[in-house]
Amino acid sequence: MTTTSSSDTETFDPPGVGSGSGGLGPSAISHFVTAFDAIAHNMETVVRGKPVVVRQALLCLLAQGHLLVEDVPGVGKTTVAKALAQSIDAKWGRIQFTADLLPADVTGLSIWKRDSATFEFRKGPIFNNIVLADEINRSSPKTQSALLEAMAEEQVTVDGHSYQLPEPFMVVATQNPVESEGTYPLPESQLDRFLMRISVGYPRRTDELSILETHEQRHLVDALNPVATAKDLVTMINMVKKVTIAPELRGYLVDLAEATRIHPSLELGMSPRATLSLQQVSRAHALASQRAYVIDDDIKAVASSVISHRLMLRPEAELQGTDTDRVVADVLDSVPVPYDRM
């Protein structure tokens, strides 16, 4: 488990966004975008040629969600997660999931102290602001389920006692494709706890050449300096909550959800939690785009990352080679936007 601390990281305290402030003025939006870009650029120094991946990981954090990074081994899943953690001056921990990992290795356990004749709770690595769950699908379902309560309620219960997790709190999990040897598929209940799922993908030729030049230096990610604090993140998260969304666009979100529920290729469509999640991330995308209000383009930009892992295909659709990303694209094309933008 690794923690970071840096007293000289500048704090982010935009004017007009205090605890009693209402609304977002131009100055506050400008401060948000400056902080957002600073974190993104810091991550991009080690995550080469993947600005969309970096941006989506940061949007997930600011929307108060958990991130699942899924792809083949060796494309930089762990680098994305570590770069995000290193860019924030907050406590972070890493859990390497293996077949013999136990739930207590994640949450912590109570230890008997002979001198005081009492049990003392020793916190596990889940008690950090950002938790990297590396190769989460290599552990048993029992251990995977140890994360469920933490991700859903931001607390951990051990021996009948509940312990609150720090704020902000985010799980960044990486996993190899389910077809890989020695993996356990995540159950639907756990997949639904992840606000977004993204893939890194192979780099372009020019980016891979750059990786060959720069990544000969080992521990390049560990050398990243934080550019924001945990307090900054809490401020930015509270700003995202103030982004407005028109009633017509809320209706559009419900129409999208309904379209997935009746889609012929799907056995299981969007749940109300998925609809809320899409609204949540759309707000973060709007603010990062220098707007205090959501437009339909914000929803479309994040829809696949928020929705696709929550959908269940019918067996016949899988046999025909359909995937959930294609279904999401089809739904976005078929559901009309409720108004014409000026």
Protein backbone atom coordinates (compact mmCIF):
# COMPACT_ATOMS: atom_id res chain seq x y z
CA MET A 1 0.00 0.00 0.00
CA THR A 2 1.35 3.39 -0.97
CA THR A 3 0.38 6.82 0.28
CA THR A 4 1.31 10.22 -1.00
CA SER A 5 1.66 13.48 0.84
CA SER A 6 2.85 16.82 -0.37
CA SER A 7 2.40 20.04 1.55
CA ASP A 8 3.37 22.34 -1.30
CA THR A 9 0.58 21.31 -3.70
CA GLU A 10 -1.46 24.39 -4.56
CA THR A 11 -5.04 24.34 -3.31
CA PHE A 12 -7.93 24.95 -5.65
CA ASP A 13 -10.44 27.39 -4.18
CA PRO A 14 -12.41 29.12 -6.96
CA PRO A 15 -14.33 32.29 -6.10
CA GLY A 16 -18.08 31.98 -5.79
CA VAL A 17 -18.07 28.28 -4.97
CA GLY A 18 -18.18 28.11 -1.22
CA SER A 19 -20.39 25.98 0.95
CA GLY A 20 -23.16 28.55 0.78
CA SER A 21 -22.80 29.45 -2.87
CA GLY A 22 -25.48 28.72 -5.40
CA GLY A 23 -24.89 28.49 -9.13
CA LEU A 24 -21.69 28.59 -11.18
CA GLY A 25 -20.28 31.85 -12.48
CA PRO A 26 -17.78 32.24 -15.35
CA SER A 27 -14.86 32.65 -12.94
CA ALA A 28 -15.71 29.45 -11.05
CA ILE A 29 -16.10 27.52 -14.31
CA SER A 30 -12.72 28.83 -15.51
CA HIS A 31 -11.03 27.68 -12.29
CA PHE A 32 -12.63 24.24 -12.63
CA VAL A 33 -11.46 23.81 -16.22
CA THR A 34 -7.94 24.97 -15.29
CA ALA A 35 -7.73 22.39 -12.49
CA PHE A 36 -9.26 19.67 -14.70
CA ASP A 37 -6.75 20.34 -17.50
CA ALA A 38 -3.84 20.40 -15.04
CA ILE A 39 -4.66 16.91 -13.76
CA ALA A 40 -5.29 15.60 -17.28
CA HIS A 41 -2.01 16.99 -18.64
CA ASN A 42 -0.12 15.55 -15.68
CA MET A 43 -1.54 12.10 -16.41
CA GLU A 44 -0.81 12.41 -20.14
CA THR A 45 2.92 12.73 -19.46
CA VAL A 46 2.92 8.97 -18.78
CA VAL A 47 -0.31 7.84 -20.48
CA ARG A 48 0.79 8.66 -24.03
CA GLY A 49 -1.68 9.23 -26.86
CA LYS A 50 -4.81 8.48 -24.84
CA PRO A 51 -6.44 11.86 -24.06
CA VAL A 52 -9.97 10.42 -24.20
CA VAL A 53 -9.08 7.65 -21.74
CA VAL A 54 -7.49 10.16 -19.36
CA ARG A 55 -10.44 12.52 -19.62
CA GLN A 56 -12.99 9.78 -18.97
CA ALA A 57 -11.09 8.51 -15.93
CA LEU A 58 -11.09 12.02 -14.51
CA LEU A 59 -14.78 12.55 -15.30
CA CYS A 60 -15.57 9.35 -13.40
CA LEU A 61 -13.69 10.63 -10.35
CA LEU A 62 -15.47 14.01 -10.41
CA ALA A 63 -18.86 12.33 -10.84
CA GLN A 64 -18.19 10.43 -7.59
CA GLY A 65 -18.06 7.02 -9.24
CA HIS A 66 -15.86 3.99 -9.58
CA LEU A 67 -13.96 3.09 -12.74
CA LEU A 68 -13.40 -0.27 -14.44
CA VAL A 69 -10.53 -0.37 -16.95
CA GLU A 70 -10.83 -3.48 -19.10
CA ASP A 71 -8.38 -4.56 -21.80
CA VAL A 72 -5.73 -7.10 -22.76
CA PRO A 73 -2.55 -7.28 -20.67
CA GLY A 74 0.24 -4.79 -21.32
CA VAL A 75 -1.63 -1.81 -22.80
CA GLY A 76 -1.36 0.44 -19.75
CA LYS A 77 -4.44 -0.23 -17.59
CA THR A 78 -2.47 -0.02 -14.36
CA THR A 79 -0.57 3.02 -15.63
CA VAL A 80 -3.85 4.91 -16.11
CA ALA A 81 -4.98 4.08 -12.58
CA LYS A 82 -1.63 4.92 -10.97
CA ALA A 83 -1.27 8.17 -12.94
CA LEU A 84 -4.67 9.31 -11.67
CA ALA A 85 -3.76 8.43 -8.08
CA GLN A 86 -0.32 10.06 -8.29
CA SER A 87 -1.80 13.29 -9.69
CA ILE A 88 -3.84 13.82 -6.53
CA ASP A 89 -2.22 14.70 -3.20
CA ALA A 90 -4.35 12.20 -1.31
CA LYS A 91 -3.96 8.76 0.24
CA TRP A 92 -4.05 5.90 -2.21
CA GLY A 93 -3.56 2.18 -1.92
CA ARG A 94 -3.10 -0.76 -4.24
CA ILE A 95 -4.61 -4.22 -3.91
CA GLN A 96 -3.17 -6.91 -6.17
CA PHE A 97 -6.03 -9.36 -6.65
CA THR A 98 -4.95 -13.00 -6.78
CA ALA A 99 -6.71 -16.34 -6.44
CA ASP A 100 -5.75 -16.64 -2.76
CA LEU A 101 -6.69 -13.09 -1.72
CA LEU A 102 -9.13 -13.03 1.23
CA PRO A 103 -11.85 -10.46 1.99
CA ALA A 104 -9.96 -9.43 5.16
CA ASP A 105 -6.98 -8.53 2.96
CA VAL A 106 -9.20 -5.87 1.40
CA THR A 107 -11.28 -4.54 4.29
CA GLY A 108 -9.02 -5.19 7.28
CA LEU A 109 -9.59 -7.36 10.32
CA SER A 110 -9.94 -7.29 14.11
CA ILE A 111 -6.89 -8.44 16.07
CA TRP A 112 -6.97 -9.59 19.71
CA LYS A 113 -4.68 -7.56 22.00
CA ARG A 114 -3.65 -9.53 25.06
CA ASP A 115 -2.46 -6.55 27.09
CA SER A 116 -5.84 -4.77 26.95
CA ALA A 117 -8.00 -7.87 26.43
CA THR A 118 -9.80 -6.16 23.54
CA PHE A 119 -10.06 -6.45 19.78
CA GLU A 120 -8.35 -3.75 17.72
CA PHE A 121 -9.44 -3.12 14.12
CA ARG A 122 -6.58 -2.91 11.63
CA LYS A 123 -7.73 -1.07 8.51
CA GLY A 124 -7.13 -2.64 5.12
CA PRO A 125 -6.05 -0.88 1.92
CA ILE A 126 -9.68 -0.04 1.10
CA PHE A 127 -9.36 2.87 3.58
CA ASN A 128 -7.77 5.25 1.08
CA ASN A 129 -9.09 8.05 -1.11
CA ILE A 130 -8.16 6.26 -4.34
CA VAL A 131 -7.90 2.45 -4.35
CA LEU A 132 -6.31 0.61 -7.25
CA ALA A 133 -7.83 -2.88 -7.49
CA ASP A 134 -5.42 -4.49 -9.94
CA GLU A 135 -6.68 -7.45 -11.99
CA ILE A 136 -9.88 -7.62 -9.95
CA ASN A 137 -11.24 -10.62 -11.87
CA ARG A 138 -8.34 -12.88 -10.83
CA SER A 139 -9.73 -13.29 -7.31
CA SER A 140 -12.70 -15.39 -6.21
CA PRO A 141 -16.25 -13.97 -6.23
CA LYS A 142 -16.22 -14.02 -2.42
CA THR A 143 -13.29 -11.59 -2.34
CA GLN A 144 -14.73 -9.48 -5.14
CA SER A 145 -17.92 -9.08 -3.11
CA ALA A 146 -15.90 -7.52 -0.27
CA LEU A 147 -15.82 -4.39 -2.40
CA LEU A 148 -19.60 -4.20 -2.90
CA GLU A 149 -20.51 -2.44 0.34
CA ALA A 150 -17.53 -0.11 0.10
CA MET A 151 -18.39 0.93 -3.46
CA ALA A 152 -22.12 1.29 -2.87
CA GLU A 153 -22.25 2.88 0.60
CA GLU A 154 -18.70 4.15 1.18
CA GLN A 155 -18.42 2.15 4.37
CA VAL A 156 -17.07 -1.21 5.50
CA THR A 157 -18.67 -3.53 8.06
CA VAL A 158 -16.40 -5.93 9.95
CA ASP A 159 -17.54 -8.03 12.91
CA GLY A 160 -20.78 -6.08 13.16
CA HIS A 161 -19.11 -2.65 13.26
CA SER A 162 -19.36 -0.15 10.39
CA TYR A 163 -16.42 2.07 9.47
CA GLN A 164 -16.77 5.12 7.23
CA LEU A 165 -14.43 5.45 4.26
CA PRO A 166 -12.59 8.73 3.55
CA GLU A 167 -13.89 11.45 1.24
CA PRO A 168 -13.40 11.48 -1.69
CA PHE A 169 -13.38 7.72 -2.30
CA MET A 170 -12.89 5.97 -5.62
CA VAL A 171 -12.08 2.41 -6.71
CA VAL A 172 -10.14 2.12 -9.97
CA ALA A 173 -10.23 -1.54 -10.97
CA THR A 174 -8.42 -3.17 -13.86
CA GLN A 175 -9.36 -6.48 -15.39
CA ASN A 176 -8.26 -8.68 -18.26
CA PRO A 177 -10.86 -9.99 -20.72
CA VAL A 178 -13.02 -12.73 -19.24
CA GLU A 179 -11.69 -15.21 -21.78
CA SER A 180 -8.18 -14.95 -20.25
CA GLU A 181 -6.91 -17.92 -18.24
CA GLY A 182 -7.43 -17.75 -14.47
CA THR A 183 -10.17 -15.09 -14.47
CA TYR A 184 -13.60 -14.99 -12.81
CA PRO A 185 -16.34 -12.95 -14.50
CA LEU A 186 -17.64 -10.09 -12.37
CA PRO A 187 -21.29 -10.61 -11.38
CA GLU A 188 -23.88 -8.13 -12.70
CA SER A 189 -24.38 -6.66 -9.22
CA GLN A 190 -20.70 -5.73 -9.03
CA LEU A 191 -20.47 -4.45 -12.61
CA ASP A 192 -23.39 -2.14 -11.84
CA ARG A 193 -21.39 -0.54 -9.02
CA PHE A 194 -18.88 0.81 -11.55
CA LEU A 195 -19.99 4.19 -12.84
CA MET A 196 -17.93 3.81 -16.04
CA ARG A 197 -16.06 1.13 -17.95
CA ILE A 198 -13.33 2.12 -20.40
CA SER A 199 -10.76 0.36 -22.58
CA VAL A 200 -7.25 1.67 -23.20
CA GLY A 201 -6.54 0.04 -26.56
CA TYR A 202 -3.26 -0.25 -28.44
CA PRO A 203 -1.31 2.97 -29.03
CA ARG A 204 -0.74 4.56 -32.43
CA ARG A 205 2.69 4.08 -34.03
CA THR A 206 3.98 7.54 -33.08
CA ASP A 207 2.79 7.13 -29.49
CA GLU A 208 4.40 3.69 -29.21
CA LEU A 209 7.69 5.15 -30.45
CA SER A 210 7.40 7.82 -27.75
CA ILE A 211 6.75 5.11 -25.17
CA LEU A 212 9.91 3.29 -26.26
CA GLU A 213 11.92 6.49 -25.78
CA THR A 214 10.56 7.61 -22.42
CA HIS A 215 9.49 4.46 -20.58
CA GLU A 216 12.97 2.99 -20.41
CA GLN A 217 13.14 4.95 -17.18
CA ARG A 218 11.54 2.68 -14.64
CA HIS A 219 9.05 4.02 -12.09
CA LEU A 220 8.12 6.90 -14.41
CA VAL A 221 4.58 6.96 -12.96
CA ASP A 222 5.89 7.00 -9.39
CA ALA A 223 7.85 10.17 -10.20
CA LEU A 224 4.67 12.12 -11.02
CA ASN A 225 4.04 15.06 -8.70
CA PRO A 226 0.50 15.77 -7.49
CA VAL A 227 -1.20 18.83 -9.00
CA ALA A 228 -4.38 18.81 -6.87
CA THR A 229 -5.37 17.92 -3.32
CA ALA A 230 -8.22 15.89 -1.85
CA LYS A 231 -9.81 19.19 -0.78
CA ASP A 232 -9.63 20.39 -4.39
CA LEU A 233 -11.46 17.27 -5.55
CA VAL A 234 -14.24 17.75 -2.99
CA THR A 235 -14.69 21.34 -4.23
CA MET A 236 -14.77 20.23 -7.87
CA ILE A 237 -17.23 17.41 -7.09
CA ASN A 238 -19.56 19.89 -5.39
CA MET A 239 -19.34 22.13 -8.47
CA VAL A 240 -20.40 19.25 -10.72
CA LYS A 241 -23.54 18.77 -8.62
CA LYS A 242 -24.57 22.37 -9.42
CA VAL A 243 -24.59 21.87 -13.19
CA THR A 244 -28.16 22.23 -14.42
CA ILE A 245 -29.99 19.84 -16.71
CA ALA A 246 -33.23 20.85 -18.44
CA PRO A 247 -36.44 18.84 -17.83
CA GLU A 248 -36.49 17.99 -21.55
CA LEU A 249 -33.07 16.36 -21.28
CA ARG A 250 -34.15 14.41 -18.21
CA GLY A 251 -36.97 13.11 -20.35
CA TYR A 252 -34.38 12.23 -23.01
CA LEU A 253 -32.44 10.18 -20.44
CA VAL A 254 -35.61 8.27 -19.54
CA ASP A 255 -36.37 7.71 -23.24
CA LEU A 256 -32.88 6.24 -23.72
CA ALA A 257 -33.41 3.93 -20.76
CA GLU A 258 -36.80 2.80 -22.09
CA ALA A 259 -35.29 2.15 -25.53
CA THR A 260 -32.74 -0.25 -24.02
CA ARG A 261 -35.45 -2.09 -22.09
CA ILE A 262 -37.38 -2.93 -25.27
CA HIS A 263 -34.39 -3.39 -27.60
CA PRO A 264 -34.62 -6.77 -29.39
CA SER A 265 -30.95 -7.58 -28.78
CA LEU A 266 -31.08 -7.03 -25.02
CA GLU A 267 -32.28 -9.30 -22.24
CA LEU A 268 -31.57 -6.65 -19.59
CA GLY A 269 -31.71 -2.90 -20.23
CA MET A 270 -30.80 0.19 -18.21
CA SER A 271 -31.83 0.32 -14.56
CA PRO A 272 -32.84 3.57 -12.83
CA ARG A 273 -29.36 3.57 -11.28
CA ALA A 274 -27.88 3.55 -14.78
CA THR A 275 -30.05 6.53 -15.76
CA LEU A 276 -28.88 8.43 -12.69
CA SER A 277 -25.29 7.54 -13.50
CA LEU A 278 -25.62 8.86 -17.04
CA GLN A 279 -26.99 12.15 -15.73
CA GLN A 280 -24.17 12.34 -13.18
CA VAL A 281 -21.34 11.89 -15.70
CA SER A 282 -23.03 14.18 -18.24
CA ARG A 283 -22.90 16.98 -15.67
CA ALA A 284 -19.16 16.45 -15.18
CA HIS A 285 -18.61 16.41 -18.96
CA ALA A 286 -20.55 19.66 -19.36
CA LEU A 287 -18.52 21.48 -16.71
CA ALA A 288 -15.23 20.20 -18.15
CA SER A 289 -16.47 21.62 -21.47
CA GLN A 290 -16.85 25.06 -19.82
CA ARG A 291 -20.64 24.96 -19.48
CA ALA A 292 -22.85 25.14 -16.38
CA TYR A 293 -25.63 23.26 -18.17
CA VAL A 294 -25.94 19.89 -19.93
CA ILE A 295 -26.63 19.51 -23.65
CA ASP A 296 -27.40 16.32 -25.58
CA ASP A 297 -23.79 16.08 -26.81
CA ASP A 298 -22.63 15.62 -23.20
CA ILE A 299 -24.95 12.64 -22.80
CA LYS A 300 -23.90 11.10 -26.11
CA ALA A 301 -20.17 11.57 -25.37
CA VAL A 302 -20.26 9.45 -22.20
CA ALA A 303 -23.20 7.11 -22.89
CA SER A 304 -21.24 4.07 -24.05
CA SER A 305 -18.79 4.15 -21.11
CA VAL A 306 -21.62 4.53 -18.60
CA ILE A 307 -24.21 2.15 -20.08
CA SER A 308 -22.58 -0.68 -22.05
CA HIS A 309 -21.32 -2.78 -19.12
CA ARG A 310 -24.76 -2.69 -17.46
CA LEU A 311 -26.59 -4.25 -20.41
CA MET A 312 -27.11 -7.98 -20.96
CA LEU A 313 -27.32 -9.35 -24.49
CA ARG A 314 -29.71 -12.08 -25.57
CA PRO A 315 -27.89 -15.33 -26.48
CA GLU A 316 -28.98 -15.08 -30.12
CA ALA A 317 -27.58 -11.53 -30.35
CA GLU A 318 -24.23 -12.73 -29.00
CA LEU A 319 -24.15 -15.51 -31.59
CA GLN A 320 -24.67 -12.90 -34.30
CA GLY A 321 -21.61 -10.97 -33.07
CA THR A 322 -23.49 -8.03 -31.58
CA ASP A 323 -21.91 -6.25 -28.60
CA THR A 324 -23.37 -3.79 -26.11
CA ASP A 325 -21.41 -0.82 -27.50
CA ARG A 326 -23.13 -1.37 -30.85
CA VAL A 327 -26.50 -1.52 -29.12
CA VAL A 328 -25.83 1.78 -27.31
CA ALA A 329 -24.91 3.43 -30.63
CA ASP A 330 -28.14 2.09 -32.14
CA VAL A 331 -30.21 3.45 -29.24
CA LEU A 332 -28.58 6.89 -29.50
CA ASP A 333 -29.39 6.97 -33.22
CA SER A 334 -33.00 5.88 -32.77
CA VAL A 335 -34.09 8.10 -29.84
CA PRO A 336 -34.77 11.67 -30.99
CA VAL A 337 -33.34 14.63 -29.06
CA PRO A 338 -36.32 16.48 -27.52
CA TYR A 339 -35.43 19.93 -28.83
CA ASP A 340 -33.44 21.73 -31.53
CA ARG A 341 -30.36 23.51 -30.23
CA MET A 342 -29.86 27.09 -31.37
